[in-house]
Amino acid sequence: MPCSHPGCGARPMKDGDYCFVHDPRPEVVARRQAARCAGGKSKKVKVPRTIAEVKEILGRAMVEGKSPEELAALARIAQTWIAASDKDYDERIKRLEQTHGTNEGNKAQPSSD
């Protein structure tokens, strides 16, 4: 069931009917305002360059006790990052197979470079 705010399709927070952006409860409004004030003031964000770094960020978030909603958002970001970084996946596999052979036991072909 989506957020109760008209036109919003986001998942509601675990303990309410609204998503974080639309929840009218005073404690959530205060958290939202604090998040807005902190925007851009946190430590420099390290952009992950490898899947291992993406896993590290997710693992750290889990240890820090992030909410399920925050973890889900991070997982979606990670999934998008991985998909965007692997656009040339087929081409990379082709080059690796040409250089190192395939899983079917074919011998590697000498490079023409």
PDB file of N, CA and C in Angstrom:
ATOM      1  N   MET A   1       0.855  -1.182   0.000  1.00  0.00           N
ATOM      2  CA  MET A   1       0.000   0.000   0.000  1.00  0.00           C
ATOM      3  C   MET A   1       0.896   1.237   0.000  1.00  0.00           C
ATOM      4  N   PRO A   2       0.679   2.163  -0.932  1.00  0.00           N
ATOM      5  CA  PRO A   2       1.529   3.347  -1.006  1.00  0.00           C
ATOM      6  C   PRO A   2       1.201   4.379   0.075  1.00  0.00           C
ATOM      7  N   CYS A   3       2.043   5.382   0.140  1.00  0.00           N
ATOM      8  CA  CYS A   3       1.869   6.521   1.044  1.00  0.00           C
ATOM      9  C   CYS A   3       0.456   7.091   0.881  1.00  0.00           C
ATOM     10  N   SER A   4      -0.133   7.532   1.992  1.00  0.00           N
ATOM     11  CA  SER A   4      -1.501   8.071   1.971  1.00  0.00           C
ATOM     12  C   SER A   4      -1.596   9.473   1.373  1.00  0.00           C
ATOM     13  N   HIS A   5      -0.470  10.118   1.129  1.00  0.00           N
ATOM     14  CA  HIS A   5      -0.496  11.448   0.520  1.00  0.00           C
ATOM     15  C   HIS A   5      -0.946  11.316  -0.931  1.00  0.00           C
ATOM     16  N   PRO A   6      -1.926  12.106  -1.361  1.00  0.00           N
ATOM     17  CA  PRO A   6      -2.432  12.001  -2.738  1.00  0.00           C
ATOM     18  C   PRO A   6      -1.319  12.149  -3.781  1.00  0.00           C
ATOM     19  N   GLY A   7      -1.266  11.196  -4.668  1.00  0.00           N
ATOM     20  CA  GLY A   7      -0.301  11.250  -5.760  1.00  0.00           C
ATOM     21  C   GLY A   7       1.071  10.694  -5.447  1.00  0.00           C
ATOM     22  N   CYS A   8       1.304  10.314  -4.198  1.00  0.00           N
ATOM     23  CA  CYS A   8       2.610   9.771  -3.824  1.00  0.00           C
ATOM     24  C   CYS A   8       2.562   8.248  -3.916  1.00  0.00           C
ATOM     25  N   GLY A   9       3.517   7.664  -4.578  1.00  0.00           N
ATOM     26  CA  GLY A   9       3.554   6.215  -4.722  1.00  0.00           C
ATOM     27  C   GLY A   9       4.600   5.554  -3.848  1.00  0.00           C
ATOM     28  N   ALA A  10       5.273   6.323  -2.990  1.00  0.00           N
ATOM     29  CA  ALA A  10       6.331   5.767  -2.147  1.00  0.00           C
ATOM     30  C   ALA A  10       5.752   4.851  -1.070  1.00  0.00           C
ATOM     31  N   ARG A  11       6.600   3.958  -0.588  1.00  0.00           N
ATOM     32  CA  ARG A  11       6.175   3.091   0.506  1.00  0.00           C
ATOM     33  C   ARG A  11       6.106   3.888   1.800  1.00  0.00           C
ATOM     34  N   PRO A  12       5.086   3.653   2.607  1.00  0.00           N
ATOM     35  CA  PRO A  12       5.000   4.380   3.876  1.00  0.00           C
ATOM     36  C   PRO A  12       6.056   3.898   4.861  1.00  0.00           C
ATOM     37  N   MET A  13       6.322   4.729   5.837  1.00  0.00           N
ATOM     38  CA  MET A  13       7.250   4.346   6.897  1.00  0.00           C
ATOM     39  C   MET A  13       6.653   3.157   7.643  1.00  0.00           C
ATOM     40  N   LYS A  14       7.497   2.388   8.272  1.00  0.00           N
ATOM     41  CA  LYS A  14       7.088   1.145   8.925  1.00  0.00           C
ATOM     42  C   LYS A  14       5.966   1.355   9.941  1.00  0.00           C
ATOM     43  N   ASP A  15       6.013   2.458  10.649  1.00  0.00           N
ATOM     44  CA  ASP A  15       5.051   2.688  11.733  1.00  0.00           C
ATOM     45  C   ASP A  15       3.999   3.743  11.384  1.00  0.00           C
ATOM     46  N   GLY A  16       3.709   3.923  10.095  1.00  0.00           N
ATOM     47  CA  GLY A  16       2.727   4.935   9.727  1.00  0.00           C
ATOM     48  C   GLY A  16       2.113   4.692   8.362  1.00  0.00           C
ATOM     49  N   ASP A  17       1.312   5.656   7.943  1.00  0.00           N
ATOM     50  CA  ASP A  17       0.629   5.558   6.653  1.00  0.00           C
ATOM     51  C   ASP A  17       1.266   6.442   5.587  1.00  0.00           C
ATOM     52  N   TYR A  18       2.276   7.221   5.980  1.00  0.00           N
ATOM     53  CA  TYR A  18       2.905   8.166   5.068  1.00  0.00           C
ATOM     54  C   TYR A  18       4.384   7.828   4.893  1.00  0.00           C
ATOM     55  N   CYS A  19       4.953   8.262   3.753  1.00  0.00           N
ATOM     56  CA  CYS A  19       6.396   8.128   3.550  1.00  0.00           C
ATOM     57  C   CYS A  19       7.094   9.216   4.382  1.00  0.00           C
ATOM     58  N   PHE A  20       8.409   9.157   4.436  1.00  0.00           N
ATOM     59  CA  PHE A  20       9.181  10.109   5.233  1.00  0.00           C
ATOM     60  C   PHE A  20       8.928  11.549   4.796  1.00  0.00           C
ATOM     61  N   VAL A  21       8.767  11.775   3.511  1.00  0.00           N
ATOM     62  CA  VAL A  21       8.584  13.133   2.987  1.00  0.00           C
ATOM     63  C   VAL A  21       7.232  13.722   3.353  1.00  0.00           C
ATOM     64  N   HIS A  22       6.198  12.884   3.467  1.00  0.00           N
ATOM     65  CA  HIS A  22       4.836  13.394   3.685  1.00  0.00           C
ATOM     66  C   HIS A  22       4.270  13.144   5.085  1.00  0.00           C
ATOM     67  N   ASP A  23       5.005  12.474   5.935  1.00  0.00           N
ATOM     68  CA  ASP A  23       4.485  12.141   7.270  1.00  0.00           C
ATOM     69  C   ASP A  23       4.285  13.411   8.086  1.00  0.00           C
ATOM     70  N   PRO A  24       3.047  13.672   8.566  1.00  0.00           N
ATOM     71  CA  PRO A  24       2.770  14.907   9.300  1.00  0.00           C
ATOM     72  C   PRO A  24       3.078  14.847  10.802  1.00  0.00           C
ATOM     73  N   ARG A  25       3.467  13.683  11.312  1.00  0.00           N
ATOM     74  CA  ARG A  25       3.719  13.584  12.762  1.00  0.00           C
ATOM     75  C   ARG A  25       4.872  14.508  13.156  1.00  0.00           C
ATOM     76  N   PRO A  26       4.718  15.219  14.287  1.00  0.00           N
ATOM     77  CA  PRO A  26       5.732  16.203  14.704  1.00  0.00           C
ATOM     78  C   PRO A  26       7.145  15.632  14.798  1.00  0.00           C
ATOM     79  N   GLU A  27       7.297  14.411  15.317  1.00  0.00           N
ATOM     80  CA  GLU A  27       8.650  13.850  15.451  1.00  0.00           C
ATOM     81  C   GLU A  27       9.285  13.571  14.084  1.00  0.00           C
ATOM     82  N   VAL A  28       8.454  13.222  13.105  1.00  0.00           N
ATOM     83  CA  VAL A  28       8.974  12.977  11.756  1.00  0.00           C
ATOM     84  C   VAL A  28       9.277  14.300  11.065  1.00  0.00           C
ATOM     85  N   VAL A  29       8.404  15.278  11.286  1.00  0.00           N
ATOM     86  CA  VAL A  29       8.648  16.619  10.727  1.00  0.00           C
ATOM     87  C   VAL A  29       9.977  17.149  11.260  1.00  0.00           C
ATOM     88  N   ALA A  30      10.259  16.956  12.547  1.00  0.00           N
ATOM     89  CA  ALA A  30      11.517  17.411  13.141  1.00  0.00           C
ATOM     90  C   ALA A  30      12.714  16.682  12.522  1.00  0.00           C
ATOM     91  N   ARG A  31      12.591  15.362  12.339  1.00  0.00           N
ATOM     92  CA  ARG A  31      13.680  14.589  11.707  1.00  0.00           C
ATOM     93  C   ARG A  31      13.910  15.049  10.268  1.00  0.00           C
ATOM     94  N   ARG A  32      12.822  15.311   9.564  1.00  0.00           N
ATOM     95  CA  ARG A  32      12.912  15.760   8.176  1.00  0.00           C
ATOM     96  C   ARG A  32      13.606  17.122   8.108  1.00  0.00           C
ATOM     97  N   GLN A  33      13.219  18.028   9.007  1.00  0.00           N
ATOM     98  CA  GLN A  33      13.840  19.358   9.036  1.00  0.00           C
ATOM     99  C   GLN A  33      15.323  19.258   9.385  1.00  0.00           C
ATOM    100  N   ALA A  34      15.663  18.394  10.338  1.00  0.00           N
ATOM    101  CA  ALA A  34      17.075  18.205  10.704  1.00  0.00           C
ATOM    102  C   ALA A  34      17.870  17.666   9.515  1.00  0.00           C
ATOM    103  N   ALA A  35      17.259  16.760   8.761  1.00  0.00           N
ATOM    104  CA  ALA A  35      17.930  16.201   7.583  1.00  0.00           C
ATOM    105  C   ALA A  35      18.159  17.284   6.531  1.00  0.00           C
ATOM    106  N   ARG A  36      17.167  18.161   6.369  1.00  0.00           N
ATOM    107  CA  ARG A  36      17.319  19.251   5.402  1.00  0.00           C
ATOM    108  C   ARG A  36      18.427  20.208   5.823  1.00  0.00           C
ATOM    109  N   CYS A  37      18.480  20.515   7.116  1.00  0.00           N
ATOM    110  CA  CYS A  37      19.504  21.435   7.622  1.00  0.00           C
ATOM    111  C   CYS A  37      20.900  20.833   7.488  1.00  0.00           C
ATOM    112  N   ALA A  38      20.990  19.520   7.639  1.00  0.00           N
ATOM    113  CA  ALA A  38      22.288  18.842   7.563  1.00  0.00           C
ATOM    114  C   ALA A  38      22.724  18.626   6.119  1.00  0.00           C
ATOM    115  N   GLY A  39      21.830  18.824   5.188  1.00  0.00           N
ATOM    116  CA  GLY A  39      22.152  18.595   3.782  1.00  0.00           C
ATOM    117  C   GLY A  39      23.371  19.375   3.336  1.00  0.00           C
ATOM    118  N   GLY A  40      24.336  18.673   2.756  1.00  0.00           N
ATOM    119  CA  GLY A  40      25.548  19.305   2.264  1.00  0.00           C
ATOM    120  C   GLY A  40      26.587  19.593   3.329  1.00  0.00           C
ATOM    121  N   LYS A  41      26.281  19.297   4.589  1.00  0.00           N
ATOM    122  CA  LYS A  41      27.218  19.592   5.668  1.00  0.00           C
ATOM    123  C   LYS A  41      27.916  18.338   6.193  1.00  0.00           C
ATOM    124  N   SER A  42      27.529  17.192   5.690  1.00  0.00           N
ATOM    125  CA  SER A  42      28.140  15.971   6.181  1.00  0.00           C
ATOM    126  C   SER A  42      29.537  15.815   5.602  1.00  0.00           C
ATOM    127  N   LYS A  43      30.232  14.786   6.057  1.00  0.00           N
ATOM    128  CA  LYS A  43      31.568  14.516   5.551  1.00  0.00           C
ATOM    129  C   LYS A  43      31.509  14.303   4.044  1.00  0.00           C
ATOM    130  N   LYS A  44      32.639  14.496   3.412  1.00  0.00           N
ATOM    131  CA  LYS A  44      32.691  14.312   1.967  1.00  0.00           C
ATOM    132  C   LYS A  44      32.227  12.900   1.619  1.00  0.00           C
ATOM    133  N   VAL A  45      31.334  12.823   0.675  1.00  0.00           N
ATOM    134  CA  VAL A  45      30.788  11.539   0.257  1.00  0.00           C
ATOM    135  C   VAL A  45      31.766  10.882  -0.713  1.00  0.00           C
ATOM    136  N   LYS A  46      32.103   9.642  -0.414  1.00  0.00           N
ATOM    137  CA  LYS A  46      32.978   8.888  -1.294  1.00  0.00           C
ATOM    138  C   LYS A  46      32.106   8.158  -2.314  1.00  0.00           C
ATOM    139  N   VAL A  47      32.323   8.443  -3.566  1.00  0.00           N
ATOM    140  CA  VAL A  47      31.570   7.779  -4.623  1.00  0.00           C
ATOM    141  C   VAL A  47      32.178   6.392  -4.821  1.00  0.00           C
ATOM    142  N   PRO A  48      31.358   5.349  -4.682  1.00  0.00           N
ATOM    143  CA  PRO A  48      31.910   4.001  -4.836  1.00  0.00           C
ATOM    144  C   PRO A  48      32.383   3.755  -6.259  1.00  0.00           C
ATOM    145  N   ARG A  49      33.531   3.095  -6.365  1.00  0.00           N
ATOM    146  CA  ARG A  49      34.102   2.794  -7.677  1.00  0.00           C
ATOM    147  C   ARG A  49      34.025   1.302  -8.000  1.00  0.00           C
ATOM    148  N   THR A  50      33.790   0.489  -6.974  1.00  0.00           N
ATOM    149  CA  THR A  50      33.739  -0.953  -7.175  1.00  0.00           C
ATOM    150  C   THR A  50      32.535  -1.528  -6.441  1.00  0.00           C
ATOM    151  N   ILE A  51      32.171  -2.744  -6.803  1.00  0.00           N
ATOM    152  CA  ILE A  51      31.080  -3.423  -6.111  1.00  0.00           C
ATOM    153  C   ILE A  51      31.453  -3.631  -4.646  1.00  0.00           C
ATOM    154  N   ALA A  52      32.723  -3.892  -4.370  1.00  0.00           N
ATOM    155  CA  ALA A  52      33.167  -4.076  -2.979  1.00  0.00           C
ATOM    156  C   ALA A  52      32.904  -2.814  -2.159  1.00  0.00           C
ATOM    157  N   GLU A  53      33.133  -1.651  -2.743  1.00  0.00           N
ATOM    158  CA  GLU A  53      32.870  -0.398  -2.031  1.00  0.00           C
ATOM    159  C   GLU A  53      31.379  -0.194  -1.806  1.00  0.00           C
ATOM    160  N   VAL A  54      30.559  -0.594  -2.771  1.00  0.00           N
ATOM    161  CA  VAL A  54      29.101  -0.501  -2.604  1.00  0.00           C
ATOM    162  C   VAL A  54      28.678  -1.398  -1.436  1.00  0.00           C
ATOM    163  N   LYS A  55      29.202  -2.620  -1.383  1.00  0.00           N
ATOM    164  CA  LYS A  55      28.880  -3.541  -0.288  1.00  0.00           C
ATOM    165  C   LYS A  55      29.331  -2.967   1.050  1.00  0.00           C
ATOM    166  N   GLU A  56      30.483  -2.323   1.066  1.00  0.00           N
ATOM    167  CA  GLU A  56      30.989  -1.719   2.305  1.00  0.00           C
ATOM    168  C   GLU A  56      30.040  -0.639   2.818  1.00  0.00           C
ATOM    169  N   ILE A  57      29.549   0.201   1.921  1.00  0.00           N
ATOM    170  CA  ILE A  57      28.618   1.267   2.307  1.00  0.00           C
ATOM    171  C   ILE A  57      27.338   0.664   2.879  1.00  0.00           C
ATOM    172  N   LEU A  58      26.793  -0.358   2.207  1.00  0.00           N
ATOM    173  CA  LEU A  58      25.573  -1.004   2.698  1.00  0.00           C
ATOM    174  C   LEU A  58      25.816  -1.672   4.047  1.00  0.00           C
ATOM    175  N   GLY A  59      26.951  -2.351   4.183  1.00  0.00           N
ATOM    176  CA  GLY A  59      27.272  -3.007   5.448  1.00  0.00           C
ATOM    177  C   GLY A  59      27.401  -2.017   6.587  1.00  0.00           C
ATOM    178  N   ARG A  60      28.052  -0.890   6.318  1.00  0.00           N
ATOM    179  CA  ARG A  60      28.215   0.138   7.345  1.00  0.00           C
ATOM    180  C   ARG A  60      26.856   0.695   7.752  1.00  0.00           C
ATOM    181  N   ALA A  61      25.966   0.890   6.791  1.00  0.00           N
ATOM    182  CA  ALA A  61      24.627   1.397   7.091  1.00  0.00           C
ATOM    183  C   ALA A  61      23.869   0.417   7.978  1.00  0.00           C
ATOM    184  N   MET A  62      24.041  -0.880   7.722  1.00  0.00           N
ATOM    185  CA  MET A  62      23.363  -1.889   8.545  1.00  0.00           C
ATOM    186  C   MET A  62      23.896  -1.858   9.975  1.00  0.00           C
ATOM    187  N   VAL A  63      25.204  -1.744  10.123  1.00  0.00           N
ATOM    188  CA  VAL A  63      25.818  -1.716  11.454  1.00  0.00           C
ATOM    189  C   VAL A  63      25.395  -0.466  12.220  1.00  0.00           C
ATOM    190  N   GLU A  64      25.243   0.641  11.493  1.00  0.00           N
ATOM    191  CA  GLU A  64      24.837   1.904  12.127  1.00  0.00           C
ATOM    192  C   GLU A  64      23.372   1.906  12.529  1.00  0.00           C
ATOM    193  N   GLY A  65      22.637   0.866  12.168  1.00  0.00           N
ATOM    194  CA  GLY A  65      21.243   0.762  12.571  1.00  0.00           C
ATOM    195  C   GLY A  65      20.277   1.598  11.760  1.00  0.00           C
ATOM    196  N   LYS A  66      20.572   1.773  10.487  1.00  0.00           N
ATOM    197  CA  LYS A  66      19.660   2.527   9.631  1.00  0.00           C
ATOM    198  C   LYS A  66      18.315   1.809   9.574  1.00  0.00           C
ATOM    199  N   SER A  67      17.263   2.566   9.346  1.00  0.00           N
ATOM    200  CA  SER A  67      15.924   1.988   9.286  1.00  0.00           C
ATOM    201  C   SER A  67      15.794   1.109   8.046  1.00  0.00           C
ATOM    202  N   PRO A  68      14.832   0.180   8.054  1.00  0.00           N
ATOM    203  CA  PRO A  68      14.618  -0.645   6.857  1.00  0.00           C
ATOM    204  C   PRO A  68      14.347   0.195   5.608  1.00  0.00           C
ATOM    205  N   GLU A  69      13.668   1.311   5.778  1.00  0.00           N
ATOM    206  CA  GLU A  69      13.379   2.179   4.642  1.00  0.00           C
ATOM    207  C   GLU A  69      14.667   2.774   4.082  1.00  0.00           C
ATOM    208  N   GLU A  70      15.556   3.221   4.990  1.00  0.00           N
ATOM    209  CA  GLU A  70      16.827   3.795   4.547  1.00  0.00           C
ATOM    210  C   GLU A  70      17.694   2.730   3.872  1.00  0.00           C
ATOM    211  N   LEU A  71      17.715   1.523   4.446  1.00  0.00           N
ATOM    212  CA  LEU A  71      18.486   0.431   3.841  1.00  0.00           C
ATOM    213  C   LEU A  71      17.934   0.073   2.469  1.00  0.00           C
ATOM    214  N   ALA A  72      16.612   0.046   2.341  1.00  0.00           N
ATOM    215  CA  ALA A  72      16.003  -0.255   1.044  1.00  0.00           C
ATOM    216  C   ALA A  72      16.379   0.817   0.019  1.00  0.00           C
ATOM    217  N   ALA A  73      16.384   2.072   0.447  1.00  0.00           N
ATOM    218  CA  ALA A  73      16.760   3.155  -0.465  1.00  0.00           C
ATOM    219  C   ALA A  73      18.219   3.006  -0.886  1.00  0.00           C
ATOM    220  N   LEU A  74      19.095   2.690   0.063  1.00  0.00           N
ATOM    221  CA  LEU A  74      20.505   2.477  -0.266  1.00  0.00           C
ATOM    222  C   LEU A  74      20.674   1.299  -1.213  1.00  0.00           C
ATOM    223  N   ALA A  75      19.910   0.236  -0.986  1.00  0.00           N
ATOM    224  CA  ALA A  75      19.993  -0.936  -1.864  1.00  0.00           C
ATOM    225  C   ALA A  75      19.551  -0.585  -3.282  1.00  0.00           C
ATOM    226  N   ARG A  76      18.498   0.234  -3.409  1.00  0.00           N
ATOM    227  CA  ARG A  76      18.045   0.653  -4.742  1.00  0.00           C
ATOM    228  C   ARG A  76      19.109   1.516  -5.431  1.00  0.00           C
ATOM    229  N   ILE A  77      19.738   2.383  -4.653  1.00  0.00           N
ATOM    230  CA  ILE A  77      20.821   3.213  -5.205  1.00  0.00           C
ATOM    231  C   ILE A  77      21.968   2.320  -5.665  1.00  0.00           C
ATOM    232  N   ALA A  78      22.324   1.335  -4.830  1.00  0.00           N
ATOM    233  CA  ALA A  78      23.408   0.416  -5.188  1.00  0.00           C
ATOM    234  C   ALA A  78      23.062  -0.368  -6.448  1.00  0.00           C
ATOM    235  N   GLN A  79      21.830  -0.833  -6.538  1.00  0.00           N
ATOM    236  CA  GLN A  79      21.386  -1.590  -7.705  1.00  0.00           C
ATOM    237  C   GLN A  79      21.484  -0.722  -8.965  1.00  0.00           C
ATOM    238  N   THR A  80      21.065   0.521  -8.857  1.00  0.00           N
ATOM    239  CA  THR A  80      21.138   1.441  -9.992  1.00  0.00           C
ATOM    240  C   THR A  80      22.591   1.704 -10.369  1.00  0.00           C
ATOM    241  N   TRP A  81      23.442   1.893  -9.371  1.00  0.00           N
ATOM    242  CA  TRP A  81      24.861   2.144  -9.615  1.00  0.00           C
ATOM    243  C   TRP A  81      25.480   0.953 -10.344  1.00  0.00           C
ATOM    244  N   ILE A  82      25.188  -0.237  -9.863  1.00  0.00           N
ATOM    245  CA  ILE A  82      25.755  -1.436 -10.482  1.00  0.00           C
ATOM    246  C   ILE A  82      25.270  -1.573 -11.923  1.00  0.00           C
ATOM    247  N   ALA A  83      23.987  -1.358 -12.138  1.00  0.00           N
ATOM    248  CA  ALA A  83      23.439  -1.463 -13.495  1.00  0.00           C
ATOM    249  C   ALA A  83      24.076  -0.419 -14.416  1.00  0.00           C
ATOM    250  N   ALA A  84      24.241   0.797 -13.916  1.00  0.00           N
ATOM    251  CA  ALA A  84      24.825   1.860 -14.738  1.00  0.00           C
ATOM    252  C   ALA A  84      26.296   1.599 -15.020  1.00  0.00           C
ATOM    253  N   SER A  85      27.009   1.024 -14.067  1.00  0.00           N
ATOM    254  CA  SER A  85      28.438   0.785 -14.255  1.00  0.00           C
ATOM    255  C   SER A  85      28.709  -0.438 -15.111  1.00  0.00           C
ATOM    256  N   ASP A  86      27.716  -1.289 -15.317  1.00  0.00           N
ATOM    257  CA  ASP A  86      27.902  -2.514 -16.086  1.00  0.00           C
ATOM    258  C   ASP A  86      27.256  -2.466 -17.468  1.00  0.00           C
ATOM    259  N   LYS A  87      27.082  -1.282 -18.016  1.00  0.00           N
ATOM    260  CA  LYS A  87      26.444  -1.181 -19.326  1.00  0.00           C
ATOM    261  C   LYS A  87      27.257  -1.883 -20.401  1.00  0.00           C
ATOM    262  N   ASP A  88      28.557  -1.895 -20.241  1.00  0.00           N
ATOM    263  CA  ASP A  88      29.392  -2.535 -21.248  1.00  0.00           C
ATOM    264  C   ASP A  88      29.782  -3.954 -20.828  1.00  0.00           C
ATOM    265  N   TYR A  89      28.945  -4.574 -20.012  1.00  0.00           N
ATOM    266  CA  TYR A  89      29.199  -5.898 -19.461  1.00  0.00           C
ATOM    267  C   TYR A  89      29.485  -6.932 -20.551  1.00  0.00           C
ATOM    268  N   ASP A  90      28.632  -7.010 -21.567  1.00  0.00           N
ATOM    269  CA  ASP A  90      28.820  -7.996 -22.641  1.00  0.00           C
ATOM    270  C   ASP A  90      30.137  -7.790 -23.366  1.00  0.00           C
ATOM    271  N   GLU A  91      30.466  -6.541 -23.617  1.00  0.00           N
ATOM    272  CA  GLU A  91      31.718  -6.248 -24.316  1.00  0.00           C
ATOM    273  C   GLU A  91      32.922  -6.644 -23.459  1.00  0.00           C
ATOM    274  N   ARG A  92      32.860  -6.398 -22.172  1.00  0.00           N
ATOM    275  CA  ARG A  92      33.968  -6.770 -21.288  1.00  0.00           C
ATOM    276  C   ARG A  92      34.137  -8.278 -21.227  1.00  0.00           C
ATOM    277  N   ILE A  93      33.017  -9.002 -21.161  1.00  0.00           N
ATOM    278  CA  ILE A  93      33.091 -10.469 -21.147  1.00  0.00           C
ATOM    279  C   ILE A  93      33.724 -10.972 -22.443  1.00  0.00           C
ATOM    280  N   LYS A  94      33.315 -10.388 -23.557  1.00  0.00           N
ATOM    281  CA  LYS A  94      33.851 -10.788 -24.856  1.00  0.00           C
ATOM    282  C   LYS A  94      35.370 -10.593 -24.888  1.00  0.00           C
ATOM    283  N   ARG A  95      35.835  -9.434 -24.410  1.00  0.00           N
ATOM    284  CA  ARG A  95      37.285  -9.166 -24.384  1.00  0.00           C
ATOM    285  C   ARG A  95      38.012 -10.147 -23.469  1.00  0.00           C
ATOM    286  N   LEU A  96      37.415 -10.432 -22.298  1.00  0.00           N
ATOM    287  CA  LEU A  96      38.042 -11.382 -21.374  1.00  0.00           C
ATOM    288  C   LEU A  96      38.126 -12.773 -21.986  1.00  0.00           C
ATOM    289  N   GLU A  97      37.059 -13.188 -22.648  1.00  0.00           N
ATOM    290  CA  GLU A  97      37.061 -14.504 -23.286  1.00  0.00           C
ATOM    291  C   GLU A  97      38.091 -14.570 -24.408  1.00  0.00           C
ATOM    292  N   GLN A  98      38.248 -13.490 -25.141  1.00  0.00           N
ATOM    293  CA  GLN A  98      39.246 -13.470 -26.205  1.00  0.00           C
ATOM    294  C   GLN A  98      40.658 -13.549 -25.630  1.00  0.00           C
ATOM    295  N   THR A  99      40.850 -12.913 -24.497  1.00  0.00           N
ATOM    296  CA  THR A  99      42.174 -12.883 -23.884  1.00  0.00           C
ATOM    297  C   THR A  99      42.480 -14.141 -23.079  1.00  0.00           C
ATOM    298  N   HIS A 100      41.490 -14.633 -22.322  1.00  0.00           N
ATOM    299  CA  HIS A 100      41.727 -15.707 -21.371  1.00  0.00           C
ATOM    300  C   HIS A 100      40.999 -17.008 -21.681  1.00  0.00           C
ATOM    301  N   GLY A 101      40.213 -17.032 -22.714  1.00  0.00           N
ATOM    302  CA  GLY A 101      39.445 -18.222 -23.032  1.00  0.00           C
ATOM    303  C   GLY A 101      38.081 -18.181 -22.370  1.00  0.00           C
ATOM    304  N   THR A 102      37.257 -19.176 -22.676  1.00  0.00           N
ATOM    305  CA  THR A 102      35.915 -19.223 -22.124  1.00  0.00           C
ATOM    306  C   THR A 102      35.826 -20.272 -21.037  1.00  0.00           C
ATOM    307  N   ASN A 103      34.695 -20.343 -20.383  1.00  0.00           N
ATOM    308  CA  ASN A 103      34.466 -21.351 -19.347  1.00  0.00           C
ATOM    309  C   ASN A 103      34.328 -22.752 -19.914  1.00  0.00           C
ATOM    310  N   GLU A 104      34.120 -22.874 -21.214  1.00  0.00           N
ATOM    311  CA  GLU A 104      33.962 -24.186 -21.826  1.00  0.00           C
ATOM    312  C   GLU A 104      35.286 -24.884 -22.037  1.00  0.00           C
ATOM    313  N   GLY A 105      36.370 -24.309 -21.565  1.00  0.00           N
ATOM    314  CA  GLY A 105      37.685 -24.946 -21.677  1.00  0.00           C
ATOM    315  C   GLY A 105      38.448 -24.575 -22.924  1.00  0.00           C
ATOM    316  N   ASN A 106      37.966 -23.632 -23.701  1.00  0.00           N
ATOM    317  CA  ASN A 106      38.701 -23.201 -24.901  1.00  0.00           C
ATOM    318  C   ASN A 106      39.990 -22.517 -24.483  1.00  0.00           C
ATOM    319  N   LYS A 107      40.995 -22.722 -25.270  1.00  0.00           N
ATOM    320  CA  LYS A 107      42.275 -22.061 -25.008  1.00  0.00           C
ATOM    321  C   LYS A 107      42.183 -20.597 -25.392  1.00  0.00           C
ATOM    322  N   ALA A 108      42.926 -19.769 -24.696  1.00  0.00           N
ATOM    323  CA  ALA A 108      42.929 -18.345 -24.995  1.00  0.00           C
ATOM    324  C   ALA A 108      43.541 -18.119 -26.364  1.00  0.00           C
ATOM    325  N   GLN A 109      42.980 -17.212 -27.102  1.00  0.00           N
ATOM    326  CA  GLN A 109      43.492 -16.852 -28.410  1.00  0.00           C
ATOM    327  C   GLN A 109      44.524 -15.752 -28.235  1.00  0.00           C
ATOM    328  N   PRO A 110      45.612 -15.796 -28.965  1.00  0.00           N
ATOM    329  CA  PRO A 110      46.615 -14.732 -28.837  1.00  0.00           C
ATOM    330  C   PRO A 110      46.008 -13.397 -29.233  1.00  0.00           C
ATOM    331  N   SER A 111      46.417 -12.390 -28.539  1.00  0.00           N
ATOM    332  CA  SER A 111      45.920 -11.046 -28.817  1.00  0.00           C
ATOM    333  C   SER A 111      46.601 -10.502 -30.061  1.00  0.00           C
ATOM    334  N   SER A 112      45.868  -9.739 -30.857  1.00  0.00           N
ATOM    335  CA  SER A 112      46.431  -9.154 -32.075  1.00  0.00           C
ATOM    336  C   SER A 112      47.037  -7.782 -31.804  1.00  0.00           C
ATOM    337  N   ASP A 113      47.031  -7.355 -30.536  1.00  0.00           N
ATOM    338  CA  ASP A 113      47.575  -6.044 -30.185  1.00  0.00           C
ATOM    339  C   ASP A 113      49.071  -6.060 -30.062  1.00  0.00           C
TER     340      ASP A 113
END
